[in-house]
Amino acid sequence: MFFIMGISGGRKALDYAKMVICRHCGSYGRYEVFMTYSQFSLFFIPIFKWNRHFYVRTTCCGMLYELKPEIGKRILNHEDVTITGEDLFGEQYEEQGLKKCEFCGYDMQEDFEYCPKCGRRVGHFC
């Protein structure tokens, strides 16, 4: 008899849709909350997860913060939560090689001069 098992990492986007003013760049944007984890699978079926970490990425400038675990678990349980500055730590810039159209918000490659979505000339980073 063969057992197929494995350990892998994963990332899950969480449902959090509140607008904020970014404390890094001062722009109006949104927090994208996600969870990273390790999981054990047996016959390709996830059995359990561990090593959960919750992160927040801003849509305006791409700043990445780690979120307090108790707040992340509340968001995971679909509770109504407001993320404050005290809930965020470990600030780092997420370099993606992308820039954002200031007219429509589309993320595009750094070397584009025109937005592929709205067609306007892009002048600077968000």
N, C-alpha and C. Protein backbone atom coordinates (compact mmCIF):
# COMPACT_ATOMS: atom_id res chain seq x y z
N MET A 1 0.84 -1.17 0.00
CA MET A 1 0.00 0.00 0.00
C MET A 1 0.89 1.24 0.00
N PHE A 2 0.52 2.22 -0.81
CA PHE A 2 1.27 3.46 -0.91
C PHE A 2 0.52 4.59 -0.22
N PHE A 3 1.28 5.43 0.45
CA PHE A 3 0.73 6.64 1.05
C PHE A 3 1.34 7.84 0.34
N ILE A 4 0.49 8.69 -0.14
CA ILE A 4 0.96 9.92 -0.79
C ILE A 4 0.69 11.05 0.19
N MET A 5 1.79 11.64 0.69
CA MET A 5 1.63 12.74 1.63
C MET A 5 2.67 13.81 1.34
N GLY A 6 2.41 14.98 1.85
CA GLY A 6 3.35 16.06 1.61
C GLY A 6 3.11 17.25 2.51
N ILE A 7 4.12 18.09 2.56
CA ILE A 7 4.05 19.35 3.31
C ILE A 7 4.28 20.47 2.31
N SER A 8 3.41 21.45 2.34
CA SER A 8 3.56 22.56 1.40
C SER A 8 3.14 23.86 2.08
N GLY A 9 3.47 24.95 1.43
CA GLY A 9 3.06 26.26 1.91
C GLY A 9 1.92 26.79 1.08
N GLY A 10 1.18 27.69 1.65
CA GLY A 10 0.06 28.26 0.92
C GLY A 10 -0.19 29.70 1.30
N ARG A 11 -1.02 30.35 0.52
CA ARG A 11 -1.40 31.74 0.75
C ARG A 11 -2.88 31.87 0.44
N LYS A 12 -3.62 32.51 1.34
CA LYS A 12 -5.06 32.67 1.16
C LYS A 12 -5.43 34.13 1.36
N ALA A 13 -6.11 34.71 0.37
CA ALA A 13 -6.60 36.08 0.49
C ALA A 13 -7.83 36.08 1.39
N LEU A 14 -7.87 37.02 2.34
CA LEU A 14 -8.99 37.11 3.26
C LEU A 14 -9.91 38.25 2.85
N ASP A 15 -11.17 38.13 3.22
CA ASP A 15 -12.18 39.11 2.84
C ASP A 15 -12.14 40.29 3.80
N TYR A 16 -11.50 41.37 3.36
CA TYR A 16 -11.43 42.61 4.14
C TYR A 16 -11.50 43.75 3.15
N ALA A 17 -12.56 44.53 3.19
CA ALA A 17 -12.76 45.57 2.17
C ALA A 17 -13.09 46.91 2.81
N LYS A 18 -12.09 47.52 3.45
CA LYS A 18 -12.29 48.85 4.03
C LYS A 18 -11.24 49.79 3.47
N MET A 19 -11.68 50.99 3.14
CA MET A 19 -10.78 52.01 2.59
C MET A 19 -10.05 52.71 3.73
N VAL A 20 -8.78 53.06 3.48
CA VAL A 20 -7.95 53.72 4.50
C VAL A 20 -7.09 54.80 3.84
N ILE A 21 -6.56 55.67 4.66
CA ILE A 21 -5.52 56.58 4.21
C ILE A 21 -4.21 55.96 4.66
N CYS A 22 -3.33 55.68 3.72
CA CYS A 22 -2.09 54.96 3.98
C CYS A 22 -1.20 55.77 4.92
N ARG A 23 -0.70 55.12 5.95
CA ARG A 23 0.17 55.82 6.89
C ARG A 23 1.59 55.97 6.35
N HIS A 24 1.89 55.31 5.24
CA HIS A 24 3.22 55.42 4.64
C HIS A 24 3.28 56.53 3.60
N CYS A 25 2.37 56.50 2.63
CA CYS A 25 2.43 57.47 1.52
C CYS A 25 1.36 58.55 1.61
N GLY A 26 0.35 58.37 2.48
CA GLY A 26 -0.70 59.37 2.63
C GLY A 26 -1.79 59.30 1.59
N SER A 27 -1.73 58.33 0.68
CA SER A 27 -2.75 58.20 -0.37
C SER A 27 -3.96 57.43 0.15
N TYR A 28 -5.06 57.60 -0.55
CA TYR A 28 -6.29 56.87 -0.25
C TYR A 28 -6.18 55.50 -0.91
N GLY A 29 -6.36 54.44 -0.15
CA GLY A 29 -6.23 53.10 -0.71
C GLY A 29 -7.01 52.09 0.10
N ARG A 30 -6.63 50.86 -0.07
CA ARG A 30 -7.33 49.75 0.56
C ARG A 30 -6.30 48.78 1.12
N TYR A 31 -6.64 48.12 2.22
CA TYR A 31 -5.79 47.07 2.77
C TYR A 31 -6.20 45.74 2.14
N GLU A 32 -5.22 45.00 1.63
CA GLU A 32 -5.45 43.63 1.18
C GLU A 32 -4.86 42.72 2.24
N VAL A 33 -5.70 41.93 2.88
CA VAL A 33 -5.27 41.06 3.98
C VAL A 33 -5.14 39.64 3.44
N PHE A 34 -4.03 38.98 3.77
CA PHE A 34 -3.85 37.59 3.38
C PHE A 34 -3.13 36.82 4.47
N MET A 35 -3.25 35.51 4.40
CA MET A 35 -2.66 34.61 5.37
C MET A 35 -1.70 33.67 4.65
N THR A 36 -0.53 33.43 5.24
CA THR A 36 0.37 32.40 4.74
C THR A 36 0.40 31.28 5.78
N TYR A 37 0.64 30.07 5.33
CA TYR A 37 0.59 28.92 6.23
C TYR A 37 1.37 27.76 5.64
N SER A 38 1.64 26.77 6.48
CA SER A 38 2.18 25.48 6.05
C SER A 38 1.06 24.46 6.25
N GLN A 39 1.01 23.45 5.38
CA GLN A 39 -0.04 22.45 5.53
C GLN A 39 0.47 21.06 5.23
N PHE A 40 -0.12 20.10 5.91
CA PHE A 40 0.17 18.68 5.69
C PHE A 40 -0.98 18.09 4.90
N SER A 41 -0.65 17.37 3.82
CA SER A 41 -1.67 16.76 2.96
C SER A 41 -1.46 15.26 2.90
N LEU A 42 -2.56 14.54 2.87
CA LEU A 42 -2.54 13.09 2.71
C LEU A 42 -3.44 12.77 1.52
N PHE A 43 -2.87 12.13 0.51
CA PHE A 43 -3.57 11.86 -0.75
C PHE A 43 -4.13 13.16 -1.35
N PHE A 44 -3.32 14.22 -1.31
CA PHE A 44 -3.64 15.53 -1.87
C PHE A 44 -4.80 16.24 -1.16
N ILE A 45 -5.21 15.75 -0.01
CA ILE A 45 -6.25 16.39 0.79
C ILE A 45 -5.59 17.05 1.99
N PRO A 46 -5.76 18.37 2.14
CA PRO A 46 -5.16 19.04 3.30
C PRO A 46 -5.73 18.50 4.61
N ILE A 47 -4.84 18.10 5.51
CA ILE A 47 -5.27 17.54 6.80
C ILE A 47 -5.26 18.61 7.88
N PHE A 48 -4.14 19.33 8.03
CA PHE A 48 -4.09 20.42 8.99
C PHE A 48 -3.08 21.47 8.56
N LYS A 49 -3.28 22.68 9.12
CA LYS A 49 -2.43 23.83 8.81
C LYS A 49 -1.75 24.30 10.08
N TRP A 50 -0.55 24.84 9.94
CA TRP A 50 0.17 25.43 11.05
C TRP A 50 1.05 26.56 10.54
N ASN A 51 1.71 27.24 11.46
CA ASN A 51 2.61 28.34 11.12
C ASN A 51 1.88 29.43 10.33
N ARG A 52 0.71 29.81 10.85
CA ARG A 52 -0.09 30.84 10.18
C ARG A 52 0.44 32.23 10.51
N HIS A 53 0.56 33.05 9.48
CA HIS A 53 0.94 34.45 9.63
C HIS A 53 -0.01 35.28 8.79
N PHE A 54 -0.39 36.43 9.32
CA PHE A 54 -1.33 37.31 8.63
C PHE A 54 -0.59 38.57 8.20
N TYR A 55 -0.87 39.03 6.97
CA TYR A 55 -0.19 40.19 6.41
C TYR A 55 -1.21 41.14 5.81
N VAL A 56 -0.82 42.41 5.74
CA VAL A 56 -1.62 43.45 5.11
C VAL A 56 -0.74 44.13 4.07
N ARG A 57 -1.26 44.27 2.85
CA ARG A 57 -0.57 45.01 1.79
C ARG A 57 -1.46 46.16 1.37
N THR A 58 -0.86 47.34 1.25
CA THR A 58 -1.63 48.50 0.82
C THR A 58 -1.71 48.52 -0.70
N THR A 59 -2.87 48.92 -1.24
CA THR A 59 -3.04 48.95 -2.70
C THR A 59 -2.42 50.19 -3.31
N CYS A 60 -2.16 51.21 -2.51
CA CYS A 60 -1.65 52.47 -3.07
C CYS A 60 -0.15 52.40 -3.34
N CYS A 61 0.65 51.96 -2.38
CA CYS A 61 2.10 51.99 -2.55
C CYS A 61 2.77 50.63 -2.38
N GLY A 62 2.01 49.59 -2.06
CA GLY A 62 2.58 48.26 -1.94
C GLY A 62 3.31 47.99 -0.64
N MET A 63 3.11 48.82 0.38
CA MET A 63 3.75 48.61 1.67
C MET A 63 3.17 47.35 2.30
N LEU A 64 4.04 46.55 2.90
CA LEU A 64 3.63 45.27 3.48
C LEU A 64 3.85 45.32 4.98
N TYR A 65 2.84 44.93 5.74
CA TYR A 65 2.90 44.89 7.19
C TYR A 65 2.49 43.50 7.66
N GLU A 66 3.01 43.08 8.81
CA GLU A 66 2.49 41.88 9.44
C GLU A 66 1.37 42.32 10.37
N LEU A 67 0.33 41.51 10.44
CA LEU A 67 -0.86 41.83 11.22
C LEU A 67 -0.85 40.98 12.49
N LYS A 68 -1.31 41.55 13.60
CA LYS A 68 -1.39 40.79 14.85
C LYS A 68 -2.25 39.55 14.62
N PRO A 69 -1.80 38.39 15.13
CA PRO A 69 -2.54 37.14 14.88
C PRO A 69 -3.99 37.16 15.35
N GLU A 70 -4.27 37.79 16.49
CA GLU A 70 -5.65 37.80 16.98
C GLU A 70 -6.58 38.59 16.06
N ILE A 71 -6.08 39.64 15.44
CA ILE A 71 -6.88 40.41 14.48
C ILE A 71 -7.08 39.58 13.20
N GLY A 72 -6.01 38.93 12.74
CA GLY A 72 -6.10 38.08 11.56
C GLY A 72 -7.08 36.95 11.72
N LYS A 73 -7.11 36.33 12.90
CA LYS A 73 -8.05 35.23 13.15
C LYS A 73 -9.49 35.73 13.16
N ARG A 74 -9.70 36.95 13.67
CA ARG A 74 -11.05 37.52 13.65
C ARG A 74 -11.51 37.79 12.22
N ILE A 75 -10.60 38.27 11.36
CA ILE A 75 -10.94 38.49 9.95
C ILE A 75 -11.22 37.15 9.27
N LEU A 76 -10.42 36.13 9.60
CA LEU A 76 -10.61 34.79 9.06
C LEU A 76 -11.98 34.23 9.43
N ASN A 77 -12.48 34.60 10.62
CA ASN A 77 -13.80 34.14 11.08
C ASN A 77 -14.93 35.07 10.64
N HIS A 78 -14.64 35.98 9.69
CA HIS A 78 -15.62 36.90 9.10
C HIS A 78 -16.24 37.85 10.12
N GLU A 79 -15.46 38.22 11.15
CA GLU A 79 -15.93 39.22 12.11
C GLU A 79 -15.66 40.61 11.54
N ASP A 80 -16.44 41.59 11.99
CA ASP A 80 -16.25 42.97 11.55
C ASP A 80 -15.11 43.58 12.37
N VAL A 81 -14.00 43.86 11.72
CA VAL A 81 -12.79 44.33 12.39
C VAL A 81 -12.30 45.60 11.69
N THR A 82 -11.82 46.56 12.47
CA THR A 82 -11.16 47.73 11.93
C THR A 82 -9.68 47.63 12.27
N ILE A 83 -8.83 47.65 11.27
CA ILE A 83 -7.38 47.55 11.48
C ILE A 83 -6.85 48.94 11.80
N THR A 84 -6.14 49.04 12.92
CA THR A 84 -5.52 50.31 13.32
C THR A 84 -4.01 50.20 13.18
N GLY A 85 -3.32 51.32 13.34
CA GLY A 85 -1.87 51.34 13.25
C GLY A 85 -1.20 50.47 14.30
N GLU A 86 -1.83 50.29 15.46
CA GLU A 86 -1.27 49.44 16.52
C GLU A 86 -1.32 47.96 16.17
N ASP A 87 -2.17 47.59 15.21
CA ASP A 87 -2.31 46.19 14.81
C ASP A 87 -1.27 45.77 13.78
N LEU A 88 -0.54 46.73 13.22
CA LEU A 88 0.42 46.47 12.15
C LEU A 88 1.84 46.63 12.67
N PHE A 89 2.73 45.74 12.23
CA PHE A 89 4.14 45.85 12.59
C PHE A 89 4.99 45.24 11.48
N GLY A 90 6.30 45.42 11.55
CA GLY A 90 7.20 44.83 10.55
C GLY A 90 7.06 45.46 9.18
N GLU A 91 7.06 46.78 9.13
CA GLU A 91 6.87 47.50 7.87
C GLU A 91 8.00 47.21 6.87
N GLN A 92 7.62 46.85 5.65
CA GLN A 92 8.59 46.68 4.58
C GLN A 92 7.91 46.96 3.25
N TYR A 93 8.69 47.47 2.31
CA TYR A 93 8.14 47.79 1.00
C TYR A 93 8.19 46.55 0.14
N GLU A 94 7.07 46.22 -0.49
CA GLU A 94 6.99 45.04 -1.36
C GLU A 94 7.33 45.48 -2.77
N GLU A 95 8.56 45.22 -3.18
CA GLU A 95 8.98 45.62 -4.52
C GLU A 95 8.47 44.62 -5.53
N GLN A 96 7.67 45.09 -6.43
CA GLN A 96 7.06 44.21 -7.42
C GLN A 96 7.49 44.54 -8.83
N GLY A 97 8.18 45.65 -9.03
CA GLY A 97 8.51 46.08 -10.37
C GLY A 97 7.27 46.57 -11.11
N LEU A 98 6.29 47.04 -10.35
CA LEU A 98 5.03 47.51 -10.93
C LEU A 98 4.82 48.97 -10.58
N LYS A 99 4.06 49.65 -11.42
CA LYS A 99 3.57 50.97 -11.06
C LYS A 99 2.07 50.98 -11.30
N LYS A 100 1.42 51.95 -10.71
CA LYS A 100 -0.04 52.01 -10.74
C LYS A 100 -0.48 53.23 -11.53
N CYS A 101 -1.46 53.03 -12.39
CA CYS A 101 -2.04 54.15 -13.14
C CYS A 101 -2.78 55.06 -12.16
N GLU A 102 -2.45 56.35 -12.19
CA GLU A 102 -3.09 57.27 -11.27
C GLU A 102 -4.52 57.61 -11.67
N PHE A 103 -4.95 57.19 -12.85
CA PHE A 103 -6.31 57.48 -13.31
C PHE A 103 -7.28 56.33 -13.03
N CYS A 104 -6.86 55.10 -13.33
CA CYS A 104 -7.79 53.97 -13.15
C CYS A 104 -7.32 52.96 -12.10
N GLY A 105 -6.08 53.08 -11.60
CA GLY A 105 -5.59 52.19 -10.56
C GLY A 105 -5.02 50.88 -11.04
N TYR A 106 -4.89 50.70 -12.35
CA TYR A 106 -4.39 49.44 -12.91
C TYR A 106 -2.90 49.26 -12.60
N ASP A 107 -2.49 48.06 -12.16
CA ASP A 107 -1.08 47.75 -11.93
C ASP A 107 -0.45 47.31 -13.25
N MET A 108 0.67 47.96 -13.60
CA MET A 108 1.33 47.64 -14.87
C MET A 108 2.83 47.57 -14.66
N GLN A 109 3.54 47.09 -15.67
CA GLN A 109 4.98 47.00 -15.58
C GLN A 109 5.59 48.39 -15.49
N GLU A 110 6.75 48.42 -14.84
CA GLU A 110 7.43 49.67 -14.55
C GLU A 110 7.79 50.48 -15.80
N ASP A 111 8.08 49.82 -16.92
CA ASP A 111 8.56 50.53 -18.10
C ASP A 111 7.44 50.99 -19.04
N PHE A 112 6.17 50.77 -18.69
CA PHE A 112 5.06 51.22 -19.52
C PHE A 112 4.92 52.74 -19.43
N GLU A 113 4.71 53.38 -20.58
CA GLU A 113 4.46 54.82 -20.59
C GLU A 113 2.96 55.11 -20.65
N TYR A 114 2.18 54.15 -21.16
CA TYR A 114 0.74 54.31 -21.26
C TYR A 114 0.05 53.15 -20.56
N CYS A 115 -1.07 53.43 -19.93
CA CYS A 115 -1.83 52.41 -19.23
C CYS A 115 -2.54 51.50 -20.24
N PRO A 116 -2.36 50.17 -20.15
CA PRO A 116 -3.04 49.27 -21.09
C PRO A 116 -4.55 49.18 -20.86
N LYS A 117 -5.02 49.64 -19.70
CA LYS A 117 -6.45 49.56 -19.42
C LYS A 117 -7.20 50.81 -19.90
N CYS A 118 -6.71 52.01 -19.52
CA CYS A 118 -7.44 53.23 -19.89
C CYS A 118 -6.78 54.02 -21.01
N GLY A 119 -5.52 53.71 -21.35
CA GLY A 119 -4.85 54.35 -22.47
C GLY A 119 -4.20 55.69 -22.18
N ARG A 120 -4.27 56.14 -20.94
CA ARG A 120 -3.68 57.44 -20.60
C ARG A 120 -2.19 57.32 -20.32
N ARG A 121 -1.48 58.42 -20.52
CA ARG A 121 -0.05 58.46 -20.25
C ARG A 121 0.18 58.45 -18.73
N VAL A 122 1.09 57.60 -18.30
CA VAL A 122 1.37 57.45 -16.88
C VAL A 122 2.64 58.21 -16.55
N GLY A 123 2.56 59.09 -15.54
CA GLY A 123 3.70 59.94 -15.24
C GLY A 123 4.55 59.51 -14.08
N HIS A 124 3.96 58.92 -13.05
CA HIS A 124 4.74 58.62 -11.85
C HIS A 124 4.10 57.47 -11.08
N PHE A 125 4.85 57.01 -10.06
CA PHE A 125 4.34 55.97 -9.18
C PHE A 125 3.26 56.55 -8.28
N CYS A 126 2.41 55.68 -7.79
CA CYS A 126 1.38 56.08 -6.85
C CYS A 126 2.01 56.52 -5.55
